Each structure stands twice: as C-alpha cells, then as structure tokens.
C-alpha cells in the first residue's frame, strides 16, 4: 500500500514483473465491498495476523506467474496452441 495525500484510493494490481494489470477505483466502495472484491480477485484473508498464507495463494492473483509449476502431463500440440491463444493468463 502506498498512501498518496489527496489522491482517490485505488487498487493497482501488478504482475510479478511490476507491470500494471488493472486499476480499480475504491472511493465509492465500503470496507465490506472492498473485502469482497479482494476475495473475488483471488486474495487470501488470514484468520489471524500470525497465520501462514497457504502456498497456492502466495502469488495470487498474479497473472503470467514465472513461479508456476511445470505441467504434470505432457502437453499435446493442440493443447499448447489453445494455451498460447489465451491472452488473459
């Protein structure tokens, strides 16, 4: 979080390379709505501050993560082509 005096609050989602993925205005939202948005975006909320974040949420909701595990199965040519066509990953 970066506080900028006088600026409207917004959530800026960044990739692992710090490229901006999305910018969402928060000034019209309540705390409950913001919490719901974060859950919808894939963020994990710990029960207690000292709790560990599960491994599957450590880089979430980052897109194009360089930390993804290698596929467990051999990818066919058609699967690889379909995966390459996804622009939202």
PDB file of N, CA and C in Angstrom:
ATOM      1  N   UNK A   1       0.845  -1.179   0.000  1.00  0.00           N
ATOM      2  CA  UNK A   1       0.000   0.000   0.000  1.00  0.00           C
ATOM      3  C   UNK A   1       0.881   1.229   0.000  1.00  0.00           C
ATOM      4  N   UNK A   2       0.490   2.170  -0.822  1.00  0.00           N
ATOM      5  CA  UNK A   2       1.210   3.436  -0.881  1.00  0.00           C
ATOM      6  C   UNK A   2       0.188   4.553  -0.712  1.00  0.00           C
ATOM      7  N   UNK A   3       0.278   5.301   0.383  1.00  0.00           N
ATOM      8  CA  UNK A   3      -0.641   6.408   0.639  1.00  0.00           C
ATOM      9  C   UNK A   3      -0.153   7.643  -0.102  1.00  0.00           C
ATOM     10  N   UNK A   4      -1.043   8.227  -0.915  1.00  0.00           N
ATOM     11  CA  UNK A   4      -0.729   9.455  -1.641  1.00  0.00           C
ATOM     12  C   UNK A   4      -1.740  10.505  -1.196  1.00  0.00           C
ATOM     13  N   UNK A   5      -1.298  11.496  -0.394  1.00  0.00           N
ATOM     14  CA  UNK A   5      -2.214  12.509   0.112  1.00  0.00           C
ATOM     15  C   UNK A   5      -2.983  13.209  -1.011  1.00  0.00           C
ATOM     16  N   UNK A   6      -4.308  13.302  -0.840  1.00  0.00           N
ATOM     17  CA  UNK A   6      -5.159  13.991  -1.798  1.00  0.00           C
ATOM     18  C   UNK A   6      -5.613  13.141  -2.973  1.00  0.00           C
ATOM     19  N   UNK A   7      -5.053  11.959  -3.125  1.00  0.00           N
ATOM     20  CA  UNK A   7      -5.430  11.093  -4.246  1.00  0.00           C
ATOM     21  C   UNK A   7      -6.593  10.195  -3.832  1.00  0.00           C
ATOM     22  N   UNK A   8      -7.467   9.897  -4.793  1.00  0.00           N
ATOM     23  CA  UNK A   8      -8.547   8.953  -4.533  1.00  0.00           C
ATOM     24  C   UNK A   8      -7.942   7.554  -4.385  1.00  0.00           C
ATOM     25  N   UNK A   9      -8.465   6.763  -3.451  1.00  0.00           N
ATOM     26  CA  UNK A   9      -7.908   5.418  -3.263  1.00  0.00           C
ATOM     27  C   UNK A   9      -8.230   4.517  -4.442  1.00  0.00           C
ATOM     28  N   UNK A  10      -7.241   3.744  -4.865  1.00  0.00           N
ATOM     29  CA  UNK A  10      -7.463   2.772  -5.919  1.00  0.00           C
ATOM     30  C   UNK A  10      -6.563   1.568  -5.680  1.00  0.00           C
ATOM     31  N   UNK A  11      -7.050   0.427  -6.130  1.00  0.00           N
ATOM     32  CA  UNK A  11      -6.306  -0.816  -6.034  1.00  0.00           C
ATOM     33  C   UNK A  11      -5.595  -1.006  -7.362  1.00  0.00           C
ATOM     34  N   UNK A  12      -4.277  -1.147  -7.308  1.00  0.00           N
ATOM     35  CA  UNK A  12      -3.495  -1.351  -8.516  1.00  0.00           C
ATOM     36  C   UNK A  12      -2.927  -2.764  -8.451  1.00  0.00           C
ATOM     37  N   UNK A  13      -3.300  -3.602  -9.417  1.00  0.00           N
ATOM     38  CA  UNK A  13      -2.813  -4.976  -9.471  1.00  0.00           C
ATOM     39  C   UNK A  13      -1.597  -5.027 -10.389  1.00  0.00           C
ATOM     40  N   UNK A  14      -0.523  -5.618  -9.894  1.00  0.00           N
ATOM     41  CA  UNK A  14       0.728  -5.693 -10.637  1.00  0.00           C
ATOM     42  C   UNK A  14       1.105  -7.142 -10.894  1.00  0.00           C
ATOM     43  N   UNK A  15       1.840  -7.378 -11.971  1.00  0.00           N
ATOM     44  CA  UNK A  15       2.368  -8.713 -12.247  1.00  0.00           C
ATOM     45  C   UNK A  15       3.629  -8.906 -11.416  1.00  0.00           C
ATOM     46  N   UNK A  16       4.225 -10.091 -11.523  1.00  0.00           N
ATOM     47  CA  UNK A  16       5.488 -10.347 -10.819  1.00  0.00           C
ATOM     48  C   UNK A  16       6.612  -9.461 -11.340  1.00  0.00           C
ATOM     49  N   UNK A  17       6.416  -8.902 -12.538  1.00  0.00           N
ATOM     50  CA  UNK A  17       7.411  -8.022 -13.128  1.00  0.00           C
ATOM     51  C   UNK A  17       7.063  -6.555 -12.901  1.00  0.00           C
ATOM     52  N   UNK A  18       6.068  -6.312 -12.039  1.00  0.00           N
ATOM     53  CA  UNK A  18       5.601  -4.973 -11.684  1.00  0.00           C
ATOM     54  C   UNK A  18       4.956  -4.237 -12.858  1.00  0.00           C
ATOM     55  N   UNK A  19       4.457  -4.997 -13.832  1.00  0.00           N
ATOM     56  CA  UNK A  19       3.655  -4.398 -14.895  1.00  0.00           C
ATOM     57  C   UNK A  19       2.243  -4.228 -14.366  1.00  0.00           C
ATOM     58  N   UNK A  20       1.627  -3.093 -14.647  1.00  0.00           N
ATOM     59  CA  UNK A  20       0.267  -2.845 -14.174  1.00  0.00           C
ATOM     60  C   UNK A  20      -0.721  -3.708 -14.951  1.00  0.00           C
ATOM     61  N   UNK A  21      -1.508  -4.498 -14.222  1.00  0.00           N
ATOM     62  CA  UNK A  21      -2.510  -5.363 -14.828  1.00  0.00           C
ATOM     63  C   UNK A  21      -3.889  -4.724 -14.815  1.00  0.00           C
ATOM     64  N   UNK A  22      -4.197  -4.014 -13.744  1.00  0.00           N
ATOM     65  CA  UNK A  22      -5.518  -3.415 -13.604  1.00  0.00           C
ATOM     66  C   UNK A  22      -5.466  -2.326 -12.551  1.00  0.00           C
ATOM     67  N   UNK A  23      -6.397  -1.393 -12.639  1.00  0.00           N
ATOM     68  CA  UNK A  23      -6.510  -0.287 -11.670  1.00  0.00           C
ATOM     69  C   UNK A  23      -7.990  -0.138 -11.355  1.00  0.00           C
ATOM     70  N   UNK A  24      -8.342  -0.280 -10.081  1.00  0.00           N
ATOM     71  CA  UNK A  24      -9.745  -0.275  -9.665  1.00  0.00           C
ATOM     72  C   UNK A  24      -9.968   0.833  -8.643  1.00  0.00           C
ATOM     73  N   UNK A  25     -10.880   1.760  -8.953  1.00  0.00           N
ATOM     74  CA  UNK A  25     -11.210   2.850  -8.034  1.00  0.00           C
ATOM     75  C   UNK A  25     -11.944   2.285  -6.818  1.00  0.00           C
ATOM     76  N   UNK A  26     -11.576   2.738  -5.621  1.00  0.00           N
ATOM     77  CA  UNK A  26     -12.167   2.230  -4.384  1.00  0.00           C
ATOM     78  C   UNK A  26     -12.975   3.271  -3.626  1.00  0.00           C
ATOM     79  N   UNK A  27     -12.951   4.528  -4.053  1.00  0.00           N
ATOM     80  CA  UNK A  27     -13.571   5.609  -3.277  1.00  0.00           C
ATOM     81  C   UNK A  27     -15.078   5.434  -3.102  1.00  0.00           C
ATOM     82  N   UNK A  28     -15.740   4.749  -4.020  1.00  0.00           N
ATOM     83  CA  UNK A  28     -17.195   4.562  -3.931  1.00  0.00           C
ATOM     84  C   UNK A  28     -17.576   3.276  -3.189  1.00  0.00           C
ATOM     85  N   UNK A  29     -16.575   2.528  -2.710  1.00  0.00           N
ATOM     86  CA  UNK A  29     -16.835   1.228  -2.085  1.00  0.00           C
ATOM     87  C   UNK A  29     -16.697   1.282  -0.572  1.00  0.00           C
ATOM     88  N   UNK A  30     -17.480   0.445   0.109  1.00  0.00           N
ATOM     89  CA  UNK A  30     -17.350   0.305   1.554  1.00  0.00           C
ATOM     90  C   UNK A  30     -16.242  -0.707   1.847  1.00  0.00           C
ATOM     91  N   UNK A  31     -15.817  -0.778   3.097  1.00  0.00           N
ATOM     92  CA  UNK A  31     -14.797  -1.743   3.504  1.00  0.00           C
ATOM     93  C   UNK A  31     -15.252  -3.168   3.184  1.00  0.00           C
ATOM     94  N   UNK A  32     -16.521  -3.471   3.437  1.00  0.00           N
ATOM     95  CA  UNK A  32     -17.063  -4.807   3.155  1.00  0.00           C
ATOM     96  C   UNK A  32     -16.993  -5.106   1.661  1.00  0.00           C
ATOM     97  N   UNK A  33     -17.347  -4.136   0.833  1.00  0.00           N
ATOM     98  CA  UNK A  33     -17.292  -4.330  -0.618  1.00  0.00           C
ATOM     99  C   UNK A  33     -15.855  -4.537  -1.102  1.00  0.00           C
ATOM    100  N   UNK A  34     -14.925  -3.808  -0.510  1.00  0.00           N
ATOM    101  CA  UNK A  34     -13.511  -3.959  -0.879  1.00  0.00           C
ATOM    102  C   UNK A  34     -13.020  -5.347  -0.478  1.00  0.00           C
ATOM    103  N   UNK A  35     -13.385  -5.798   0.734  1.00  0.00           N
ATOM    104  CA  UNK A  35     -13.005  -7.147   1.170  1.00  0.00           C
ATOM    105  C   UNK A  35     -13.580  -8.209   0.234  1.00  0.00           C
ATOM    106  N   UNK A  36     -14.833  -8.043  -0.181  1.00  0.00           N
ATOM    107  CA  UNK A  36     -15.459  -8.988  -1.116  1.00  0.00           C
ATOM    108  C   UNK A  36     -14.745  -8.967  -2.464  1.00  0.00           C
ATOM    109  N   UNK A  37     -14.350  -7.784  -2.923  1.00  0.00           N
ATOM    110  CA  UNK A  37     -13.617  -7.651  -4.182  1.00  0.00           C
ATOM    111  C   UNK A  37     -12.288  -8.404  -4.105  1.00  0.00           C
ATOM    112  N   UNK A  38     -11.572  -8.234  -3.007  1.00  0.00           N
ATOM    113  CA  UNK A  38     -10.282  -8.905  -2.853  1.00  0.00           C
ATOM    114  C   UNK A  38     -10.432 -10.420  -2.884  1.00  0.00           C
ATOM    115  N   UNK A  39     -11.481 -10.933  -2.245  1.00  0.00           N
ATOM    116  CA  UNK A  39     -11.739 -12.375  -2.278  1.00  0.00           C
ATOM    117  C   UNK A  39     -12.062 -12.808  -3.708  1.00  0.00           C
ATOM    118  N   UNK A  40     -12.881 -12.022  -4.392  1.00  0.00           N
ATOM    119  CA  UNK A  40     -13.263 -12.329  -5.773  1.00  0.00           C
ATOM    120  C   UNK A  40     -12.036 -12.327  -6.695  1.00  0.00           C
ATOM    121  N   UNK A  41     -11.074 -11.460  -6.413  1.00  0.00           N
ATOM    122  CA  UNK A  41      -9.862 -11.375  -7.213  1.00  0.00           C
ATOM    123  C   UNK A  41      -8.877 -12.500  -6.898  1.00  0.00           C
ATOM    124  N   UNK A  42      -9.137 -13.246  -5.834  1.00  0.00           N
ATOM    125  CA  UNK A  42      -8.280 -14.386  -5.519  1.00  0.00           C
ATOM    126  C   UNK A  42      -7.339 -14.185  -4.355  1.00  0.00           C
ATOM    127  N   UNK A  43      -7.449 -13.065  -3.658  1.00  0.00           N
ATOM    128  CA  UNK A  43      -6.598 -12.855  -2.493  1.00  0.00           C
ATOM    129  C   UNK A  43      -7.072 -13.730  -1.340  1.00  0.00           C
ATOM    130  N   UNK A  44      -6.155 -14.118  -0.493  1.00  0.00           N
ATOM    131  CA  UNK A  44      -6.446 -14.949   0.667  1.00  0.00           C
ATOM    132  C   UNK A  44      -6.451 -14.069   1.907  1.00  0.00           C
ATOM    133  N   UNK A  45      -7.446 -14.247   2.764  1.00  0.00           N
ATOM    134  CA  UNK A  45      -7.512 -13.486   4.013  1.00  0.00           C
ATOM    135  C   UNK A  45      -7.204 -14.422   5.172  1.00  0.00           C
ATOM    136  N   UNK A  46      -6.157 -14.094   5.910  1.00  0.00           N
ATOM    137  CA  UNK A  46      -5.771 -14.908   7.060  1.00  0.00           C
ATOM    138  C   UNK A  46      -6.763 -14.698   8.195  1.00  0.00           C
ATOM    139  N   UNK A  47      -6.974 -15.753   8.970  1.00  0.00           N
ATOM    140  CA  UNK A  47      -7.840 -15.650  10.148  1.00  0.00           C
ATOM    141  C   UNK A  47      -7.173 -14.771  11.213  1.00  0.00           C
ATOM    142  N   UNK A  48      -5.868 -15.014  11.444  1.00  0.00           N
ATOM    143  CA  UNK A  48      -5.094 -14.238  12.418  1.00  0.00           C
ATOM    144  C   UNK A  48      -3.838 -13.723  11.731  1.00  0.00           C
ATOM    145  N   UNK A  49      -3.336 -12.604  12.173  1.00  0.00           N
ATOM    146  CA  UNK A  49      -2.178 -11.973  11.542  1.00  0.00           C
ATOM    147  C   UNK A  49      -0.975 -12.914  11.482  1.00  0.00           C
ATOM    148  N   UNK A  50      -0.786 -13.731  12.499  1.00  0.00           N
ATOM    149  CA  UNK A  50       0.384 -14.606  12.551  1.00  0.00           C
ATOM    150  C   UNK A  50       0.234 -15.887  11.717  1.00  0.00           C
ATOM    151  N   UNK A  51      -0.946 -16.135  11.155  1.00  0.00           N
ATOM    152  CA  UNK A  51      -1.165 -17.323  10.324  1.00  0.00           C
ATOM    153  C   UNK A  51      -0.316 -17.266   9.052  1.00  0.00           C
ATOM    154  N   UNK A  52       0.080 -18.453   8.580  1.00  0.00           N
ATOM    155  CA  UNK A  52       0.817 -18.559   7.324  1.00  0.00           C
ATOM    156  C   UNK A  52      -0.163 -18.515   6.145  1.00  0.00           C
ATOM    157  N   UNK A  53       0.279 -17.953   5.043  1.00  0.00           N
ATOM    158  CA  UNK A  53      -0.525 -17.950   3.824  1.00  0.00           C
ATOM    159  C   UNK A  53      -0.256 -19.269   3.101  1.00  0.00           C
ATOM    160  N   UNK A  54      -1.315 -20.012   2.732  1.00  0.00           N
ATOM    161  CA  UNK A  54      -1.102 -21.274   2.011  1.00  0.00           C
ATOM    162  C   UNK A  54      -0.324 -21.054   0.715  1.00  0.00           C
ATOM    163  N   UNK A  55       0.475 -22.059   0.339  1.00  0.00           N
ATOM    164  CA  UNK A  55       1.336 -21.966  -0.848  1.00  0.00           C
ATOM    165  C   UNK A  55       0.576 -21.538  -2.100  1.00  0.00           C
ATOM    166  N   UNK A  56      -0.633 -22.089  -2.300  1.00  0.00           N
ATOM    167  CA  UNK A  56      -1.377 -21.785  -3.526  1.00  0.00           C
ATOM    168  C   UNK A  56      -1.835 -20.332  -3.621  1.00  0.00           C
ATOM    169  N   UNK A  57      -1.760 -19.579  -2.509  1.00  0.00           N
ATOM    170  CA  UNK A  57      -2.166 -18.171  -2.512  1.00  0.00           C
ATOM    171  C   UNK A  57      -0.987 -17.210  -2.462  1.00  0.00           C
ATOM    172  N   UNK A  58       0.221 -17.707  -2.388  1.00  0.00           N
ATOM    173  CA  UNK A  58       1.371 -16.822  -2.191  1.00  0.00           C
ATOM    174  C   UNK A  58       1.591 -15.840  -3.327  1.00  0.00           C
ATOM    175  N   UNK A  59       1.277 -16.221  -4.546  1.00  0.00           N
ATOM    176  CA  UNK A  59       1.491 -15.331  -5.679  1.00  0.00           C
ATOM    177  C   UNK A  59       0.171 -14.956  -6.335  1.00  0.00           C
ATOM    178  N   UNK A  60      -0.922 -15.229  -5.670  1.00  0.00           N
ATOM    179  CA  UNK A  60      -2.255 -14.980  -6.193  1.00  0.00           C
ATOM    180  C   UNK A  60      -2.613 -13.525  -5.967  1.00  0.00           C
ATOM    181  N   UNK A  61      -3.335 -12.886  -6.820  1.00  0.00           N
ATOM    182  CA  UNK A  61      -3.908 -13.347  -8.075  1.00  0.00           C
ATOM    183  C   UNK A  61      -3.042 -13.011  -9.276  1.00  0.00           C
ATOM    184  N   UNK A  62      -1.736 -13.025  -9.093  1.00  0.00           N
ATOM    185  CA  UNK A  62      -0.839 -12.630 -10.170  1.00  0.00           C
ATOM    186  C   UNK A  62      -1.090 -13.421 -11.443  1.00  0.00           C
ATOM    187  N   UNK A  63      -0.990 -12.730 -12.554  1.00  0.00           N
ATOM    188  CA  UNK A  63      -1.136 -13.365 -13.850  1.00  0.00           C
ATOM    189  C   UNK A  63       0.261 -13.530 -14.450  1.00  0.00           C
ATOM    190  N   UNK A  64       0.413 -14.483 -15.336  1.00  0.00           N
ATOM    191  CA  UNK A  64       1.678 -14.714 -16.014  1.00  0.00           C
ATOM    192  C   UNK A  64       2.799 -14.947 -15.007  1.00  0.00           C
ATOM    193  N   UNK A  65       2.535 -15.787 -14.020  1.00  0.00           N
ATOM    194  CA  UNK A  65       3.491 -16.037 -12.952  1.00  0.00           C
ATOM    195  C   UNK A  65       4.675 -16.871 -13.424  1.00  0.00           C
ATOM    196  N   UNK A  66       5.887 -16.421 -13.162  1.00  0.00           N
ATOM    197  CA  UNK A  66       7.056 -17.230 -13.513  1.00  0.00           C
ATOM    198  C   UNK A  66       7.270 -18.368 -12.521  1.00  0.00           C
ATOM    199  N   UNK A  67       6.465 -18.424 -11.472  1.00  0.00           N
ATOM    200  CA  UNK A  67       6.619 -19.420 -10.429  1.00  0.00           C
ATOM    201  C   UNK A  67       5.701 -20.619 -10.598  1.00  0.00           C
ATOM    202  N   UNK A  68       4.981 -20.690 -11.710  1.00  0.00           N
ATOM    203  CA  UNK A  68       4.080 -21.814 -11.935  1.00  0.00           C
ATOM    204  C   UNK A  68       4.874 -23.104 -12.019  1.00  0.00           C
ATOM    205  N   UNK A  69       4.284 -24.174 -11.497  1.00  0.00           N
ATOM    206  CA  UNK A  69       4.910 -25.489 -11.608  1.00  0.00           C
ATOM    207  C   UNK A  69       4.854 -25.959 -13.045  1.00  0.00           C
ATOM    208  N   UNK A  70       5.790 -26.813 -13.393  1.00  0.00           N
ATOM    209  CA  UNK A  70       5.772 -27.427 -14.712  1.00  0.00           C
ATOM    210  C   UNK A  70       4.536 -28.309 -14.809  1.00  0.00           C
ATOM    211  N   UNK A  71       3.938 -28.446 -15.992  1.00  0.00           N
ATOM    212  CA  UNK A  71       2.752 -29.296 -16.143  1.00  0.00           C
ATOM    213  C   UNK A  71       3.062 -30.731 -15.728  1.00  0.00           C
ATOM    214  N   UNK A  72       2.087 -31.368 -15.092  1.00  0.00           N
ATOM    215  CA  UNK A  72       2.262 -32.738 -14.624  1.00  0.00           C
ATOM    216  C   UNK A  72       2.115 -33.741 -15.751  1.00  0.00           C
ATOM    217  N   UNK A  73       1.520 -33.347 -16.871  1.00  0.00           N
ATOM    218  CA  UNK A  73       1.340 -34.242 -18.003  1.00  0.00           C
ATOM    219  C   UNK A  73       1.965 -33.617 -19.248  1.00  0.00           C
ATOM    220  N   UNK A  74       2.207 -34.454 -20.224  1.00  0.00           N
ATOM    221  CA  UNK A  74       2.770 -33.950 -21.474  1.00  0.00           C
ATOM    222  C   UNK A  74       1.675 -33.186 -22.223  1.00  0.00           C
ATOM    223  N   UNK A  75       1.984 -31.985 -22.665  1.00  0.00           N
ATOM    224  CA  UNK A  75       1.011 -31.139 -23.343  1.00  0.00           C
ATOM    225  C   UNK A  75       1.027 -31.463 -24.828  1.00  0.00           C
ATOM    226  N   UNK A  76      -0.149 -31.747 -25.373  1.00  0.00           N
ATOM    227  CA  UNK A  76      -0.248 -32.024 -26.804  1.00  0.00           C
ATOM    228  C   UNK A  76      -0.113 -30.727 -27.586  1.00  0.00           C
ATOM    229  N   UNK A  77       0.140 -30.836 -28.878  1.00  0.00           N
ATOM    230  CA  UNK A  77       0.288 -29.656 -29.729  1.00  0.00           C
ATOM    231  C   UNK A  77      -0.977 -28.812 -29.730  1.00  0.00           C
ATOM    232  N   UNK A  78      -2.148 -29.469 -29.778  1.00  0.00           N
ATOM    233  CA  UNK A  78      -3.406 -28.707 -29.787  1.00  0.00           C
ATOM    234  C   UNK A  78      -3.625 -28.003 -28.451  1.00  0.00           C
ATOM    235  N   UNK A  79      -3.252 -28.660 -27.328  1.00  0.00           N
ATOM    236  CA  UNK A  79      -3.377 -28.011 -26.014  1.00  0.00           C
ATOM    237  C   UNK A  79      -2.429 -26.823 -25.915  1.00  0.00           C
ATOM    238  N   UNK A  80      -1.205 -26.989 -26.417  1.00  0.00           N
ATOM    239  CA  UNK A  80      -0.223 -25.904 -26.367  1.00  0.00           C
ATOM    240  C   UNK A  80      -0.699 -24.721 -27.197  1.00  0.00           C
ATOM    241  N   UNK A  81      -1.278 -24.995 -28.369  1.00  0.00           N
ATOM    242  CA  UNK A  81      -1.786 -23.918 -29.223  1.00  0.00           C
ATOM    243  C   UNK A  81      -2.939 -23.190 -28.545  1.00  0.00           C
ATOM    244  N   UNK A  82      -3.867 -23.950 -27.933  1.00  0.00           N
ATOM    245  CA  UNK A  82      -5.007 -23.347 -27.233  1.00  0.00           C
ATOM    246  C   UNK A  82      -4.516 -22.494 -26.068  1.00  0.00           C
ATOM    247  N   UNK A  83      -3.519 -22.987 -25.333  1.00  0.00           N
ATOM    248  CA  UNK A  83      -2.982 -22.243 -24.198  1.00  0.00           C
ATOM    249  C   UNK A  83      -2.304 -20.965 -24.667  1.00  0.00           C
ATOM    250  N   UNK A  84      -1.594 -21.012 -25.798  1.00  0.00           N
ATOM    251  CA  UNK A  84      -0.901 -19.833 -26.323  1.00  0.00           C
ATOM    252  C   UNK A  84      -1.881 -18.757 -26.771  1.00  0.00           C
ATOM    253  N   UNK A  85      -3.101 -19.148 -27.142  1.00  0.00           N
ATOM    254  CA  UNK A  85      -4.096 -18.186 -27.597  1.00  0.00           C
ATOM    255  C   UNK A  85      -4.746 -17.425 -26.458  1.00  0.00           C
ATOM    256  N   UNK A  86      -4.619 -17.898 -25.213  1.00  0.00           N
ATOM    257  CA  UNK A  86      -5.196 -17.205 -24.059  1.00  0.00           C
ATOM    258  C   UNK A  86      -4.430 -15.926 -23.802  1.00  0.00           C
ATOM    259  N   UNK A  87      -5.125 -14.818 -23.841  1.00  0.00           N
ATOM    260  CA  UNK A  87      -4.469 -13.538 -23.564  1.00  0.00           C
ATOM    261  C   UNK A  87      -4.726 -13.068 -22.142  1.00  0.00           C
ATOM    262  N   UNK A  88      -5.611 -13.770 -21.414  1.00  0.00           N
ATOM    263  CA  UNK A  88      -5.958 -13.340 -20.060  1.00  0.00           C
ATOM    264  C   UNK A  88      -5.111 -14.041 -19.000  1.00  0.00           C
ATOM    265  N   UNK A  89      -4.154 -14.825 -19.385  1.00  0.00           N
ATOM    266  CA  UNK A  89      -3.330 -15.544 -18.412  1.00  0.00           C
ATOM    267  C   UNK A  89      -2.103 -14.765 -18.072  1.00  0.00           C
TER     268      UNK A  89
END
